Structure formats: structure tokens, C-alpha cells
């Protein structure tokens, strides 16, 4: 399972990492193995997936 939050600046990338880690912790609390979770935050210039211009949803 990949948890990825994309942001545009360093500060928001730090917050994105924090949010992604919070989601991972919640998933672990729901019984998902920690080894099955990858937490990743990426900047706007290195998105995990392509979307339409202006789209906020992957």
C-alpha cells in the first residue's frame, strides 16, 4: 500500500509527510501490517501519478 501526498513547497511537503504518517498509523491501528505500508511525500514537480491540469484528484 502506497500513501502519497503531493505538495508544492518544502513546508507543505513536511506537512504532507506528517499527514501521510498519520494515515499509516491509522491503517496500522486497523490491522494493516506496517511492512505493507510505504509512506511517501512528493513535491508538485515530482508527482506520483499524472492528472489533468487543474485536477486535484489522482
Protein backbone atom coordinates (compact mmCIF):
# COMPACT_ATOMS: atom_id res chain seq x y z
CA UNK A 1 0.00 0.00 0.00
CA UNK A 2 1.43 3.37 -1.01
CA UNK A 3 0.34 6.52 0.80
CA UNK A 4 1.36 9.56 -1.18
CA UNK A 5 0.62 13.20 -0.53
CA UNK A 6 1.71 15.76 -3.15
CA UNK A 7 2.52 19.37 -2.24
CA UNK A 8 4.10 22.42 -3.86
CA UNK A 9 6.59 23.80 -1.31
CA UNK A 10 9.04 22.41 1.21
CA UNK A 11 6.88 23.44 4.17
CA UNK A 12 3.75 21.83 2.76
CA UNK A 13 5.82 18.77 1.84
CA UNK A 14 6.77 18.44 5.53
CA UNK A 15 3.09 18.67 6.46
CA UNK A 16 2.24 16.18 3.71
CA UNK A 17 4.74 13.72 5.19
CA UNK A 18 3.18 14.21 8.63
CA UNK A 19 -0.32 13.60 7.24
CA UNK A 20 0.81 10.50 5.35
CA UNK A 21 2.42 9.12 8.51
CA UNK A 22 -0.81 9.78 10.41
CA UNK A 23 -2.74 7.81 7.78
CA UNK A 24 -0.21 4.98 8.04
CA UNK A 25 -0.60 4.92 11.83
CA UNK A 26 -4.38 4.78 11.46
CA UNK A 27 -4.12 1.92 8.95
CA UNK A 28 -1.86 0.02 11.34
CA UNK A 29 -4.45 0.57 14.05
CA UNK A 30 -6.99 -1.03 11.70
CA UNK A 31 -4.80 -4.12 11.36
CA UNK A 32 -2.72 -3.39 8.24
CA UNK A 33 0.84 -4.69 8.65
CA UNK A 34 3.44 -1.92 8.92
CA UNK A 35 5.56 -3.73 6.33
CA UNK A 36 2.74 -3.42 3.81
CA UNK A 37 2.67 0.38 4.03
CA UNK A 38 5.02 2.77 2.23
CA UNK A 39 4.76 6.42 3.28
CA UNK A 40 5.90 8.92 0.67
CA UNK A 41 5.51 12.67 0.27
CA UNK A 42 6.40 14.27 -3.07
CA UNK A 43 6.58 17.81 -4.33
CA UNK A 44 4.38 19.19 -7.06
CA UNK A 45 7.20 18.78 -9.60
CA UNK A 46 7.58 15.05 -8.88
CA UNK A 47 4.00 13.73 -8.73
CA UNK A 48 3.39 10.05 -8.21
CA UNK A 49 0.76 10.00 -10.95
CA UNK A 50 -0.26 12.20 -13.86
CA UNK A 51 -3.58 14.06 -13.66
CA UNK A 52 -5.42 16.52 -15.87
CA UNK A 53 -4.28 20.11 -15.47
CA UNK A 54 -6.19 21.65 -12.58
CA UNK A 55 -7.33 18.29 -11.25
CA UNK A 56 -6.93 17.81 -7.51
CA UNK A 57 -7.66 14.09 -7.65
CA UNK A 58 -5.30 11.33 -8.73
